[in-house]
Amino acid sequence: MTTVYNDRIKLLTEPKTILHAQTLKNVQGIKDQMMQLERNYTDEMIIKAKEQTAEAARAKDMVSRFRLYETKILNDETL
């Protein structure tokens, strides 16, 4: 069984003809492109997550400032 499996691997990985060799190169090229796209996508998602985190921090700061301002107004009205 192992021999059959190893023979199949050889058939798939060892080029028999120029066309087969070119096909294997094309497949490897496509795999490389897909890996690059995945890396780019991951990097893009990390950048977007950082931007959203910064935006959330700004929003939180604005809410805090508004609450302080609101408290100050209420205190001024009370006095």
N, C-alpha and C. Protein backbone atom coordinates (compact mmCIF):
# COMPACT_ATOMS: atom_id res chain seq x y z
N MET A 1 0.83 -1.20 0.00
CA MET A 1 0.00 0.00 0.00
C MET A 1 0.87 1.26 0.00
N THR A 2 1.93 1.24 0.80
CA THR A 2 2.83 2.38 0.86
C THR A 2 3.51 2.62 -0.48
N THR A 3 3.85 1.54 -1.16
CA THR A 3 4.49 1.66 -2.47
C THR A 3 3.57 2.34 -3.46
N VAL A 4 2.30 1.96 -3.45
CA VAL A 4 1.33 2.57 -4.36
C VAL A 4 1.20 4.05 -4.06
N TYR A 5 1.14 4.38 -2.78
CA TYR A 5 1.03 5.77 -2.38
C TYR A 5 2.26 6.56 -2.81
N ASN A 6 3.44 6.01 -2.59
CA ASN A 6 4.68 6.68 -2.99
C ASN A 6 4.76 6.85 -4.50
N ASP A 7 4.30 5.84 -5.25
CA ASP A 7 4.28 5.95 -6.71
C ASP A 7 3.36 7.07 -7.16
N ARG A 8 2.22 7.20 -6.50
CA ARG A 8 1.29 8.29 -6.85
C ARG A 8 1.92 9.65 -6.57
N ILE A 9 2.61 9.75 -5.46
CA ILE A 9 3.28 11.01 -5.14
C ILE A 9 4.32 11.34 -6.21
N LYS A 10 5.08 10.33 -6.62
CA LYS A 10 6.09 10.56 -7.67
C LYS A 10 5.42 11.00 -8.97
N LEU A 11 4.30 10.37 -9.31
CA LEU A 11 3.60 10.75 -10.54
C LEU A 11 3.14 12.20 -10.48
N LEU A 12 2.72 12.62 -9.30
CA LEU A 12 2.21 13.99 -9.17
C LEU A 12 3.32 15.02 -9.06
N THR A 13 4.46 14.64 -8.54
CA THR A 13 5.50 15.64 -8.28
C THR A 13 6.66 15.62 -9.26
N GLU A 14 6.92 14.52 -9.90
CA GLU A 14 8.04 14.46 -10.84
C GLU A 14 7.54 14.71 -12.26
N PRO A 15 8.05 15.72 -12.90
CA PRO A 15 7.59 16.01 -14.26
C PRO A 15 8.02 14.93 -15.24
N LYS A 16 7.08 14.50 -16.08
CA LYS A 16 7.37 13.48 -17.09
C LYS A 16 7.61 14.11 -18.47
N THR A 17 6.98 15.24 -18.68
CA THR A 17 7.12 15.92 -19.97
C THR A 17 7.32 17.40 -19.71
N ILE A 18 7.65 18.12 -20.75
CA ILE A 18 7.80 19.58 -20.63
C ILE A 18 6.47 20.20 -20.21
N LEU A 19 5.38 19.71 -20.79
CA LEU A 19 4.05 20.23 -20.46
C LEU A 19 3.74 19.97 -18.98
N HIS A 20 4.06 18.78 -18.52
CA HIS A 20 3.81 18.44 -17.12
C HIS A 20 4.66 19.32 -16.20
N ALA A 21 5.91 19.53 -16.58
CA ALA A 21 6.79 20.40 -15.78
C ALA A 21 6.23 21.82 -15.73
N GLN A 22 5.76 22.31 -16.88
CA GLN A 22 5.19 23.66 -16.92
C GLN A 22 3.93 23.74 -16.08
N THR A 23 3.13 22.69 -16.13
CA THR A 23 1.90 22.65 -15.32
C THR A 23 2.24 22.71 -13.84
N LEU A 24 3.24 21.94 -13.42
CA LEU A 24 3.65 21.97 -12.02
C LEU A 24 4.14 23.36 -11.61
N LYS A 25 4.88 24.02 -12.51
CA LYS A 25 5.35 25.39 -12.22
C LYS A 25 4.17 26.35 -12.10
N ASN A 26 3.18 26.18 -12.99
CA ASN A 26 2.00 27.05 -12.95
C ASN A 26 1.23 26.85 -11.65
N VAL A 27 1.08 25.58 -11.25
CA VAL A 27 0.37 25.29 -10.00
C VAL A 27 1.11 25.92 -8.83
N GLN A 28 2.42 25.79 -8.80
CA GLN A 28 3.21 26.38 -7.72
C GLN A 28 3.09 27.90 -7.75
N GLY A 29 3.08 28.48 -8.94
CA GLY A 29 2.91 29.93 -9.06
C GLY A 29 1.57 30.38 -8.52
N ILE A 30 0.53 29.62 -8.82
CA ILE A 30 -0.81 29.95 -8.33
C ILE A 30 -0.85 29.83 -6.80
N LYS A 31 -0.23 28.79 -6.27
CA LYS A 31 -0.17 28.63 -4.81
C LYS A 31 0.54 29.82 -4.17
N ASP A 32 1.65 30.24 -4.78
CA ASP A 32 2.40 31.39 -4.25
C ASP A 32 1.56 32.66 -4.28
N GLN A 33 0.82 32.85 -5.38
CA GLN A 33 -0.05 34.03 -5.49
C GLN A 33 -1.13 34.00 -4.43
N MET A 34 -1.71 32.82 -4.21
CA MET A 34 -2.76 32.70 -3.19
C MET A 34 -2.20 32.99 -1.80
N MET A 35 -0.99 32.52 -1.53
CA MET A 35 -0.37 32.80 -0.23
C MET A 35 -0.12 34.30 -0.07
N GLN A 36 0.32 34.96 -1.14
CA GLN A 36 0.57 36.40 -1.08
C GLN A 36 -0.73 37.16 -0.86
N LEU A 37 -1.80 36.75 -1.55
CA LEU A 37 -3.10 37.39 -1.36
C LEU A 37 -3.58 37.21 0.07
N GLU A 38 -3.37 36.03 0.61
CA GLU A 38 -3.77 35.77 1.99
C GLU A 38 -2.99 36.66 2.95
N ARG A 39 -1.68 36.81 2.73
CA ARG A 39 -0.87 37.68 3.58
C ARG A 39 -1.34 39.13 3.46
N ASN A 40 -1.59 39.57 2.22
CA ASN A 40 -2.06 40.94 2.02
C ASN A 40 -3.40 41.17 2.72
N TYR A 41 -4.30 40.18 2.59
CA TYR A 41 -5.62 40.29 3.22
C TYR A 41 -5.47 40.37 4.74
N THR A 42 -4.60 39.51 5.29
CA THR A 42 -4.38 39.51 6.73
C THR A 42 -3.81 40.86 7.18
N ASP A 43 -2.83 41.37 6.45
CA ASP A 43 -2.26 42.68 6.79
C ASP A 43 -3.32 43.77 6.73
N GLU A 44 -4.16 43.71 5.71
CA GLU A 44 -5.22 44.70 5.55
C GLU A 44 -6.21 44.62 6.71
N MET A 45 -6.55 43.41 7.12
CA MET A 45 -7.47 43.24 8.24
C MET A 45 -6.86 43.77 9.54
N ILE A 46 -5.56 43.57 9.73
CA ILE A 46 -4.89 44.08 10.92
C ILE A 46 -4.93 45.60 10.93
N ILE A 47 -4.67 46.21 9.77
CA ILE A 47 -4.71 47.68 9.67
C ILE A 47 -6.11 48.19 9.97
N LYS A 48 -7.14 47.54 9.40
CA LYS A 48 -8.52 47.97 9.65
C LYS A 48 -8.88 47.82 11.12
N ALA A 49 -8.43 46.73 11.75
CA ALA A 49 -8.72 46.52 13.17
C ALA A 49 -8.08 47.62 14.01
N LYS A 50 -6.85 48.01 13.67
CA LYS A 50 -6.17 49.09 14.41
C LYS A 50 -6.91 50.40 14.22
N GLU A 51 -7.38 50.66 12.99
CA GLU A 51 -8.13 51.89 12.74
C GLU A 51 -9.43 51.90 13.54
N GLN A 52 -10.11 50.76 13.58
CA GLN A 52 -11.36 50.69 14.34
C GLN A 52 -11.12 50.85 15.83
N THR A 53 -10.01 50.30 16.32
CA THR A 53 -9.66 50.45 17.73
C THR A 53 -9.40 51.92 18.05
N ALA A 54 -8.68 52.59 17.17
CA ALA A 54 -8.40 54.02 17.38
C ALA A 54 -9.70 54.83 17.34
N GLU A 55 -10.58 54.50 16.41
CA GLU A 55 -11.86 55.20 16.30
C GLU A 55 -12.71 54.97 17.55
N ALA A 56 -12.70 53.75 18.06
CA ALA A 56 -13.45 53.45 19.28
C ALA A 56 -12.88 54.22 20.47
N ALA A 57 -11.57 54.34 20.53
CA ALA A 57 -10.93 55.10 21.61
C ALA A 57 -11.33 56.57 21.53
N ARG A 58 -11.36 57.12 20.31
CA ARG A 58 -11.78 58.53 20.14
C ARG A 58 -13.23 58.71 20.57
N ALA A 59 -14.08 57.76 20.19
CA ALA A 59 -15.49 57.85 20.56
C ALA A 59 -15.66 57.77 22.07
N LYS A 60 -14.91 56.88 22.70
CA LYS A 60 -14.97 56.75 24.16
C LYS A 60 -14.52 58.04 24.83
N ASP A 61 -13.47 58.65 24.29
CA ASP A 61 -12.97 59.92 24.83
C ASP A 61 -14.02 61.01 24.70
N MET A 62 -14.69 61.04 23.54
CA MET A 62 -15.72 62.06 23.33
C MET A 62 -16.88 61.87 24.31
N VAL A 63 -17.26 60.62 24.55
CA VAL A 63 -18.35 60.35 25.50
C VAL A 63 -17.93 60.79 26.90
N SER A 64 -16.70 60.49 27.27
CA SER A 64 -16.21 60.89 28.60
C SER A 64 -16.22 62.41 28.74
N ARG A 65 -15.76 63.11 27.71
CA ARG A 65 -15.75 64.58 27.75
C ARG A 65 -17.17 65.13 27.85
N PHE A 66 -18.10 64.52 27.10
CA PHE A 66 -19.48 64.98 27.13
C PHE A 66 -20.07 64.79 28.53
N ARG A 67 -19.78 63.64 29.13
CA ARG A 67 -20.31 63.38 30.48
C ARG A 67 -19.74 64.36 31.50
N LEU A 68 -18.44 64.66 31.38
CA LEU A 68 -17.84 65.65 32.28
C LEU A 68 -18.48 67.02 32.07
N TYR A 69 -18.68 67.39 30.81
CA TYR A 69 -19.31 68.67 30.49
C TYR A 69 -20.73 68.70 31.03
N GLU A 70 -21.46 67.60 30.85
CA GLU A 70 -22.83 67.52 31.33
C GLU A 70 -22.87 67.64 32.85
N THR A 71 -21.95 66.97 33.52
CA THR A 71 -21.87 67.05 34.99
C THR A 71 -21.56 68.47 35.43
N LYS A 72 -20.64 69.13 34.72
CA LYS A 72 -20.28 70.51 35.05
C LYS A 72 -21.48 71.43 34.90
N ILE A 73 -22.24 71.25 33.83
CA ILE A 73 -23.43 72.09 33.61
C ILE A 73 -24.44 71.86 34.73
N LEU A 74 -24.66 70.59 35.09
CA LEU A 74 -25.61 70.30 36.17
C LEU A 74 -25.14 70.90 37.49
N ASN A 75 -23.85 70.84 37.75
CA ASN A 75 -23.32 71.43 38.98
C ASN A 75 -23.46 72.95 38.97
N ASP A 76 -23.21 73.56 37.82
CA ASP A 76 -23.35 75.02 37.71
C ASP A 76 -24.80 75.44 37.90
N GLU A 77 -25.73 74.64 37.37
CA GLU A 77 -27.15 74.97 37.53
C GLU A 77 -27.59 74.82 38.97
N THR A 78 -27.01 73.85 39.66
CA THR A 78 -27.36 73.61 41.05
C THR A 78 -26.89 74.76 41.93
N LEU A 79 -25.72 75.29 41.60
CA LEU A 79 -25.20 76.41 42.40
C LEU A 79 -25.99 77.63 42.09
